[in-house]
Amino acid sequence: PMLVIGGRSPLMRFEMGALQEMDQVELLRPITKWARCLYETQRIPEYIASAFRAALTGRQGPVFLEIPTDVLFRKVEENDVYFPQSYRPQGRVYPDPKAVKQAAEIIARAERPLVMAGSAIYWQDAHQELRRFIELAHAPAYLNAMGRGSISQEHPLFFSRTRRNALGKADAIVVIGTPLDFRLAYGKRFNPEARTVQIDTDPQELARNRDIDVPIEGDAKAALEMLIGELEGVKADHKEWISGLREGENKVRAQMEEWMNSDREPIHPLRLCREMAEFVDDNTIVIGDGGDIVNQAARILPINHPGQWYDPGPMGTLGVGTGFCMAVHSVYPEKRILMVNGDGTFGLNG
């Protein structure tokens, strides 16, 4: 979620060729949740409230408010201005209990369950519930985007290097708060025999690109709370499944070790990531700004806490790292910040 407030040439000079006159709202409408131009000074608080409501409800995202300069600088009587105080929902959206019960039955019967969790875990503060859920289901958890850090890498059910193989073998797959986009091969690599559950606040994301047995519209934290309630008392034990995946993780790690410890020149990306990993501690926030290098870094850097990882997201907007670093530092001035740049990003900002 992000609110961008932009200026505009004065309304009184509309279509007269004023400095930087252009239709910014129509330019930004396709890439925002909400884009508006403000025409009345006394309605500034109303429009700000509407912008935050759009940005922070449902599927969160960026919004844009354009304020022409003459509207911005005009004076009005404060008594004539309405200042919204309670303008957006504060509660969580709980899913249909019947759908949750169906999902719990799939998970309880599974022999090879798998959990794939993404950014909604961070934004909806669901990391504790996610951890409790995977422990009850005894299911391996894979994380992407801002979901990274929701489960400590030291947790026995955290996995990161065997996802493709695991998705092809799992008999129950639970996708929480991440779309079935290119990062998950549009769901095409899922075991075709697997029962599937998908949880998302945005119903447009549910069952997009492949059929889902139990699509659940709802907040990730709320849905996980309900699933935990349904699974309490279930004695899940998938040791063989878990140990097989762990063996695969160790094998991939062993293959990576050669390059992580290589002294060859030019330096191999994995060696660079190994060196960076020694810098990253619990007080470090990592900003990934690149493509391949960010994928490599995500496999090696110790990301063990919610909000410890930021990256450009599925749009691959290279070059945002410097701005991310400035924003993160303004919010967490006591934190150390590491920016991982790829060559494309460096070409833009180096």
Protein backbone atom coordinates (compact mmCIF):
# COMPACT_ATOMS: atom_id res chain seq x y z
CA PRO A 1 0.00 0.00 0.00
CA MET A 2 1.20 3.47 -0.85
CA LEU A 3 -0.36 6.92 -1.19
CA VAL A 4 1.21 9.19 -3.80
CA ILE A 5 0.10 12.83 -3.83
CA GLY A 6 0.97 14.66 -7.02
CA GLY A 7 0.72 18.28 -8.02
CA ARG A 8 -0.89 19.55 -11.18
CA SER A 9 -1.03 22.75 -13.20
CA PRO A 10 -3.76 25.09 -11.89
CA LEU A 11 -7.35 24.44 -12.91
CA MET A 12 -7.73 28.04 -14.01
CA ARG A 13 -5.05 27.35 -16.68
CA PHE A 14 -6.60 24.08 -17.86
CA GLU A 15 -5.75 23.34 -21.51
CA MET A 16 -3.87 26.62 -21.89
CA GLY A 17 -0.45 24.97 -22.05
CA ALA A 18 0.60 25.48 -18.43
CA LEU A 19 3.91 24.06 -17.20
CA GLN A 20 3.84 20.23 -17.06
CA GLU A 21 0.17 20.08 -18.00
CA MET A 22 -0.84 16.46 -18.56
CA ASP A 23 -3.57 14.02 -17.57
CA GLN A 24 -1.76 12.24 -14.74
CA VAL A 25 -4.87 10.51 -13.41
CA GLU A 26 -5.49 8.62 -16.65
CA LEU A 27 -1.77 7.85 -16.90
CA LEU A 28 -1.71 6.26 -13.45
CA ARG A 29 -5.16 4.69 -13.37
CA PRO A 30 -4.07 1.35 -14.92
CA ILE A 31 -1.31 0.83 -12.34
CA THR A 32 -3.13 1.94 -9.18
CA LYS A 33 -6.15 0.78 -7.19
CA TRP A 34 -7.58 4.29 -7.09
CA ALA A 35 -6.67 7.52 -8.89
CA ARG A 36 -8.49 10.84 -8.50
CA CYS A 37 -8.13 14.57 -9.05
CA LEU A 38 -9.26 16.91 -6.29
CA TYR A 39 -11.23 20.02 -7.32
CA GLU A 40 -12.33 21.56 -3.99
CA THR A 41 -9.87 22.65 -1.28
CA GLN A 42 -12.27 22.01 1.58
CA ARG A 43 -12.55 18.35 0.54
CA ILE A 44 -8.84 17.56 0.91
CA PRO A 45 -9.35 15.54 4.15
CA GLU A 46 -12.21 13.56 2.56
CA TYR A 47 -10.11 12.58 -0.43
CA ILE A 48 -7.12 11.67 1.75
CA ALA A 49 -9.40 9.39 3.78
CA SER A 50 -10.79 7.81 0.61
CA ALA A 51 -7.27 7.25 -0.66
CA PHE A 52 -6.17 5.46 2.51
CA ARG A 53 -9.38 3.41 2.53
CA ALA A 54 -8.70 2.22 -1.01
CA ALA A 55 -5.02 1.52 -0.31
CA LEU A 56 -5.52 -0.42 2.92
CA THR A 57 -8.67 -2.49 2.42
CA GLY A 58 -9.15 -5.68 0.43
CA ARG A 59 -6.11 -6.35 -1.68
CA GLN A 60 -3.77 -3.57 -0.59
CA GLY A 61 -2.07 -1.47 -3.23
CA PRO A 62 -0.95 1.97 -4.45
CA VAL A 63 -3.28 4.94 -4.84
CA PHE A 64 -2.80 8.36 -6.42
CA LEU A 65 -4.33 11.72 -5.52
CA GLU A 66 -3.73 14.71 -7.80
CA ILE A 67 -4.11 18.19 -6.32
CA PRO A 68 -3.89 21.19 -8.69
CA THR A 69 -1.75 24.01 -7.34
CA ASP A 70 -4.56 26.56 -7.09
CA VAL A 71 -6.69 24.04 -5.15
CA LEU A 72 -3.78 23.26 -2.85
CA PHE A 73 -2.97 26.87 -1.96
CA ARG A 74 -6.53 28.22 -1.72
CA LYS A 75 -7.61 29.15 1.82
CA VAL A 76 -10.89 27.95 3.32
CA GLU A 77 -12.51 28.26 6.72
CA GLU A 78 -11.61 25.31 8.93
CA ASN A 79 -15.18 25.12 10.23
CA ASP A 80 -16.35 24.39 6.69
CA VAL A 81 -14.06 21.37 6.37
CA TYR A 82 -15.12 17.81 7.21
CA PHE A 83 -12.31 15.81 8.83
CA PRO A 84 -13.09 12.06 8.67
CA GLN A 85 -12.17 10.17 11.86
CA SER A 86 -13.53 6.67 11.34
CA TYR A 87 -13.34 6.07 7.63
CA ARG A 88 -12.17 2.49 7.01
CA PRO A 89 -12.90 -0.94 8.50
CA GLN A 90 -10.61 -2.01 11.32
CA GLY A 91 -11.70 -5.63 11.75
CA ARG A 92 -10.53 -8.68 9.86
CA VAL A 93 -12.51 -10.42 7.13
CA TYR A 94 -13.27 -13.91 8.41
CA PRO A 95 -13.92 -16.63 5.84
CA ASP A 96 -16.92 -18.91 5.52
CA PRO A 97 -16.69 -21.54 8.32
CA LYS A 98 -17.89 -24.25 5.94
CA ALA A 99 -15.03 -23.57 3.55
CA VAL A 100 -12.54 -23.61 6.42
CA LYS A 101 -13.90 -26.94 7.64
CA GLN A 102 -13.53 -28.40 4.14
CA ALA A 103 -9.94 -27.17 4.00
CA ALA A 104 -9.18 -28.64 7.42
CA GLU A 105 -10.50 -32.02 6.31
CA ILE A 106 -8.18 -32.01 3.29
CA ILE A 107 -5.20 -31.11 5.47
CA ALA A 108 -6.04 -33.68 8.16
CA ARG A 109 -6.29 -36.50 5.60
CA ALA A 110 -3.14 -35.58 3.71
CA GLU A 111 -0.03 -37.73 3.75
CA ARG A 112 2.19 -35.21 1.98
CA PRO A 113 0.86 -31.70 2.80
CA LEU A 114 2.64 -28.51 1.73
CA VAL A 115 2.13 -24.83 2.59
CA MET A 116 3.09 -22.01 0.21
CA ALA A 117 2.79 -18.59 1.88
CA GLY A 118 3.42 -15.08 0.60
CA SER A 119 3.16 -11.38 1.36
CA ALA A 120 -0.26 -11.52 3.03
CA ILE A 121 1.38 -13.21 6.01
CA TYR A 122 3.39 -10.05 6.60
CA TRP A 123 0.70 -7.48 5.81
CA GLN A 124 -1.95 -9.30 7.84
CA ASP A 125 0.37 -10.05 10.79
CA ALA A 126 -0.16 -13.79 10.51
CA HIS A 127 3.34 -15.16 11.16
CA GLN A 128 2.54 -16.65 14.57
CA GLU A 129 -0.60 -18.29 13.23
CA LEU A 130 1.32 -19.62 10.23
CA ARG A 131 3.91 -21.23 12.48
CA ARG A 132 1.24 -22.84 14.68
CA PHE A 133 -0.65 -24.04 11.62
CA ILE A 134 2.31 -25.79 9.97
CA GLU A 135 3.19 -27.43 13.28
CA LEU A 136 -0.33 -28.79 13.72
CA ALA A 137 -0.46 -29.98 10.10
CA HIS A 138 3.19 -31.12 10.26
CA ALA A 139 3.58 -29.57 6.82
CA PRO A 140 6.67 -28.09 5.15
CA ALA A 141 6.41 -24.35 4.54
CA TYR A 142 7.83 -22.46 1.57
CA LEU A 143 7.79 -18.65 1.55
CA ASN A 144 8.05 -15.99 -1.12
CA ALA A 145 8.00 -12.19 -1.42
CA MET A 146 7.39 -10.47 1.93
CA GLY A 147 6.35 -13.76 3.45
CA ARG A 148 10.07 -14.42 3.85
CA GLY A 149 11.06 -14.27 7.50
CA SER A 150 7.61 -15.36 8.72
CA ILE A 151 9.12 -18.72 9.65
CA SER A 152 12.65 -18.87 11.02
CA GLN A 153 15.10 -20.70 8.78
CA GLU A 154 16.04 -22.74 11.87
CA HIS A 155 12.52 -24.14 12.14
CA PRO A 156 12.41 -27.84 11.17
CA LEU A 157 9.44 -27.19 8.85
CA PHE A 158 11.07 -24.31 6.95
CA PHE A 159 12.14 -25.22 3.39
CA SER A 160 13.42 -23.10 0.50
CA ARG A 161 15.35 -25.16 -2.06
CA THR A 162 13.03 -28.05 -2.95
CA ARG A 163 9.81 -26.21 -3.79
CA ARG A 164 9.43 -27.35 -7.38
CA ASN A 165 9.96 -31.01 -6.53
CA ALA A 166 7.72 -30.79 -3.46
CA LEU A 167 4.83 -29.17 -5.35
CA GLY A 168 4.98 -32.01 -7.85
CA LYS A 169 4.70 -34.67 -5.14
CA ALA A 170 2.46 -33.14 -2.47
CA ASP A 171 -1.04 -34.59 -2.10
CA ALA A 172 -2.43 -31.46 -0.38
CA ILE A 173 -1.28 -27.92 -1.21
CA VAL A 174 -2.32 -24.85 0.81
CA VAL A 175 -1.54 -21.50 -0.85
CA ILE A 176 -1.85 -18.51 1.48
CA GLY A 177 -1.70 -14.91 0.34
CA THR A 178 0.34 -15.31 -2.83
CA PRO A 179 -0.98 -15.39 -6.39
CA LEU A 180 -0.57 -18.32 -8.75
CA ASP A 181 1.57 -16.23 -11.07
CA PHE A 182 4.87 -16.86 -12.85
CA ARG A 183 6.67 -17.40 -9.53
CA LEU A 184 4.59 -20.54 -8.99
CA ALA A 185 4.53 -21.43 -12.70
CA TYR A 186 0.82 -20.48 -12.72
CA GLY A 187 0.09 -23.60 -10.66
CA LYS A 188 0.97 -25.86 -13.60
CA ARG A 189 3.67 -27.72 -11.61
CA PHE A 190 1.31 -28.77 -8.84
CA ASN A 191 0.76 -32.50 -8.54
CA PRO A 192 -2.39 -32.95 -10.67
CA GLU A 193 -3.71 -35.40 -8.08
CA ALA A 194 -3.23 -33.01 -5.15
CA ARG A 195 -6.15 -31.48 -3.28
CA THR A 196 -5.75 -27.73 -3.17
CA VAL A 197 -6.71 -24.89 -0.84
CA GLN A 198 -6.13 -21.20 -1.56
CA ILE A 199 -6.63 -18.30 0.87
CA ASP A 200 -6.68 -14.68 -0.27
CA THR A 201 -8.43 -11.44 0.58
CA ASP A 202 -8.87 -10.74 -3.14
CA PRO A 203 -11.47 -13.09 -4.66
CA GLN A 204 -10.12 -12.29 -8.12
CA GLU A 205 -6.94 -14.18 -7.22
CA LEU A 206 -8.76 -17.32 -6.13
CA ALA A 207 -8.52 -20.16 -8.66
CA ARG A 208 -6.79 -17.90 -11.16
CA ASN A 209 -4.77 -19.99 -13.65
CA ARG A 210 -5.90 -23.35 -12.24
CA ASP A 211 -8.84 -24.95 -10.45
CA ILE A 212 -8.76 -24.91 -6.64
CA ASP A 213 -10.72 -27.46 -4.59
CA VAL A 214 -11.39 -25.06 -1.71
CA PRO A 215 -10.94 -21.35 -2.54
CA ILE A 216 -11.30 -19.25 0.61
CA GLU A 217 -11.89 -15.50 0.59
CA GLY A 218 -10.61 -14.00 3.80
CA ASP A 219 -7.84 -12.45 5.84
CA ALA A 220 -4.81 -14.74 6.23
CA LYS A 221 -4.59 -14.31 10.00
CA ALA A 222 -8.33 -14.89 10.46
CA ALA A 223 -8.35 -17.94 8.18
CA LEU A 224 -5.35 -19.48 9.92
CA GLU A 225 -6.92 -18.89 13.34
CA MET A 226 -9.97 -20.81 12.19
CA LEU A 227 -7.93 -23.60 10.60
CA ILE A 228 -5.92 -23.97 13.81
CA GLY A 229 -9.19 -24.34 15.72
CA GLU A 230 -10.34 -27.07 13.34
CA LEU A 231 -7.03 -28.94 13.53
CA GLU A 232 -6.55 -28.86 17.31
CA GLY A 233 -6.25 -32.47 18.47
CA VAL A 234 -5.20 -33.79 15.06
CA LYS A 235 -2.11 -36.04 15.40
CA ALA A 236 -0.35 -35.32 12.11
CA ASP A 237 2.91 -37.15 11.52
CA HIS A 238 4.62 -36.91 8.14
CA LYS A 239 8.19 -37.79 9.14
CA GLU A 240 8.97 -39.69 5.96
CA TRP A 241 7.74 -36.82 3.75
CA ILE A 242 9.61 -34.22 5.80
CA SER A 243 12.85 -36.19 5.98
CA GLY A 244 12.81 -36.79 2.23
CA LEU A 245 12.46 -33.08 1.55
CA ARG A 246 15.19 -32.27 4.07
CA GLU A 247 17.51 -34.69 2.33
CA GLY A 248 16.78 -32.91 -0.94
CA GLU A 249 17.45 -29.51 0.68
CA ASN A 250 20.79 -30.72 2.00
CA LYS A 251 21.75 -32.09 -1.40
CA VAL A 252 21.02 -28.76 -3.13
CA ARG A 253 22.92 -26.90 -0.42
CA ALA A 254 25.93 -29.19 -0.91
CA GLN A 255 25.90 -28.42 -4.64
CA MET A 256 25.78 -24.69 -3.89
CA GLU A 257 28.67 -24.91 -1.42
CA GLU A 258 31.24 -25.27 -4.20
CA TRP A 259 30.30 -21.88 -5.64
CA MET A 260 29.69 -20.27 -2.25
CA ASN A 261 33.30 -21.01 -1.30
CA SER A 262 34.88 -20.47 -4.71
CA ASP A 263 37.78 -18.02 -5.14
CA ARG A 264 37.33 -17.82 -8.89
CA GLU A 265 37.33 -14.49 -10.68
CA PRO A 266 35.09 -12.82 -11.54
CA ILE A 267 33.33 -13.60 -8.28
CA HIS A 268 30.43 -16.04 -8.47
CA PRO A 269 27.07 -14.61 -7.27
CA LEU A 270 26.76 -17.35 -4.65
CA ARG A 271 30.14 -16.42 -3.17
CA LEU A 272 28.97 -12.82 -2.99
CA CYS A 273 25.79 -13.95 -1.24
CA ARG A 274 27.79 -15.99 1.25
CA GLU A 275 29.86 -12.92 2.13
CA MET A 276 26.72 -10.81 2.49
CA ALA A 277 25.15 -13.47 4.71
CA GLU A 278 27.91 -12.90 7.27
CA PHE A 279 26.84 -9.24 7.47
CA VAL A 280 23.14 -9.97 8.01
CA ASP A 281 22.05 -10.35 11.63
CA ASP A 282 18.72 -10.04 13.43
CA ASN A 283 19.05 -6.25 13.37
CA THR A 284 19.50 -6.09 9.59
CA ILE A 285 16.80 -5.42 7.00
CA VAL A 286 17.56 -6.63 3.48
CA ILE A 287 16.37 -4.72 0.40
CA GLY A 288 16.51 -6.88 -2.72
CA ASP A 289 16.68 -4.81 -5.90
CA GLY A 290 17.34 -7.01 -8.89
CA GLY A 291 16.36 -10.23 -10.60
CA ASP A 292 18.60 -13.29 -10.49
CA ILE A 293 20.81 -11.93 -7.73
CA VAL A 294 17.79 -11.38 -5.50
CA ASN A 295 16.65 -14.97 -6.08
CA GLN A 296 20.11 -16.22 -5.15
CA ALA A 297 20.30 -13.99 -2.08
CA ALA A 298 16.91 -15.20 -0.86
CA ARG A 299 18.25 -18.76 -0.79
CA ILE A 300 21.32 -17.90 1.29
CA LEU A 301 20.82 -14.81 3.45
CA PRO A 302 19.53 -15.51 6.99
CA ILE A 303 16.05 -13.95 6.89
CA ASN A 304 14.40 -15.01 10.15
CA HIS A 305 11.97 -12.26 11.12
CA PRO A 306 8.81 -10.74 9.59
CA GLY A 307 9.59 -7.51 7.74
CA GLN A 308 13.28 -8.33 7.40
CA TRP A 309 13.03 -8.67 3.60
CA TYR A 310 11.77 -6.26 0.90
CA ASP A 311 12.02 -6.71 -2.86
CA PRO A 312 10.54 -5.22 -6.08
CA GLY A 313 7.70 -7.77 -6.14
CA PRO A 314 6.19 -9.54 -9.14
CA MET A 315 6.42 -6.46 -11.35
CA GLY A 316 10.22 -6.58 -11.19
CA THR A 317 10.49 -2.80 -10.88
CA LEU A 318 14.28 -2.52 -10.88
CA GLY A 319 15.75 0.58 -9.34
CA VAL A 320 13.39 0.95 -6.37
CA GLY A 321 15.99 -0.20 -3.84
CA THR A 322 17.45 3.20 -2.99
CA GLY A 323 14.00 4.62 -2.26
CA PHE A 324 13.12 1.52 -0.25
CA CYS A 325 16.28 1.98 1.84
CA MET A 326 15.47 5.61 2.57
CA ALA A 327 11.91 4.75 3.54
CA VAL A 328 12.93 1.82 5.75
CA HIS A 329 15.58 3.93 7.49
CA SER A 330 13.04 6.66 8.22
CA VAL A 331 10.80 4.10 9.95
CA TYR A 332 13.52 1.96 11.56
CA PRO A 333 16.50 4.30 12.13
CA GLU A 334 18.08 1.82 14.54
CA LYS A 335 18.25 -0.97 11.94
CA ARG A 336 21.14 -1.81 9.66
CA ILE A 337 20.14 -1.95 5.99
CA LEU A 338 21.67 -4.09 3.25
CA MET A 339 20.70 -3.39 -0.37
CA VAL A 340 21.34 -6.26 -2.79
CA ASN A 341 21.73 -4.77 -6.27
CA GLY A 342 21.77 -6.60 -9.56
CA ASP A 343 23.69 -5.34 -12.56
CA GLY A 344 20.53 -3.92 -14.15
CA THR A 345 19.69 -2.01 -11.01
CA PHE A 346 23.23 -0.73 -10.70
CA GLY A 347 23.03 0.44 -14.30
CA LEU A 348 20.02 2.54 -13.37
CA ASN A 349 21.29 3.96 -10.09
CA GLY A 350 25.04 3.25 -9.83
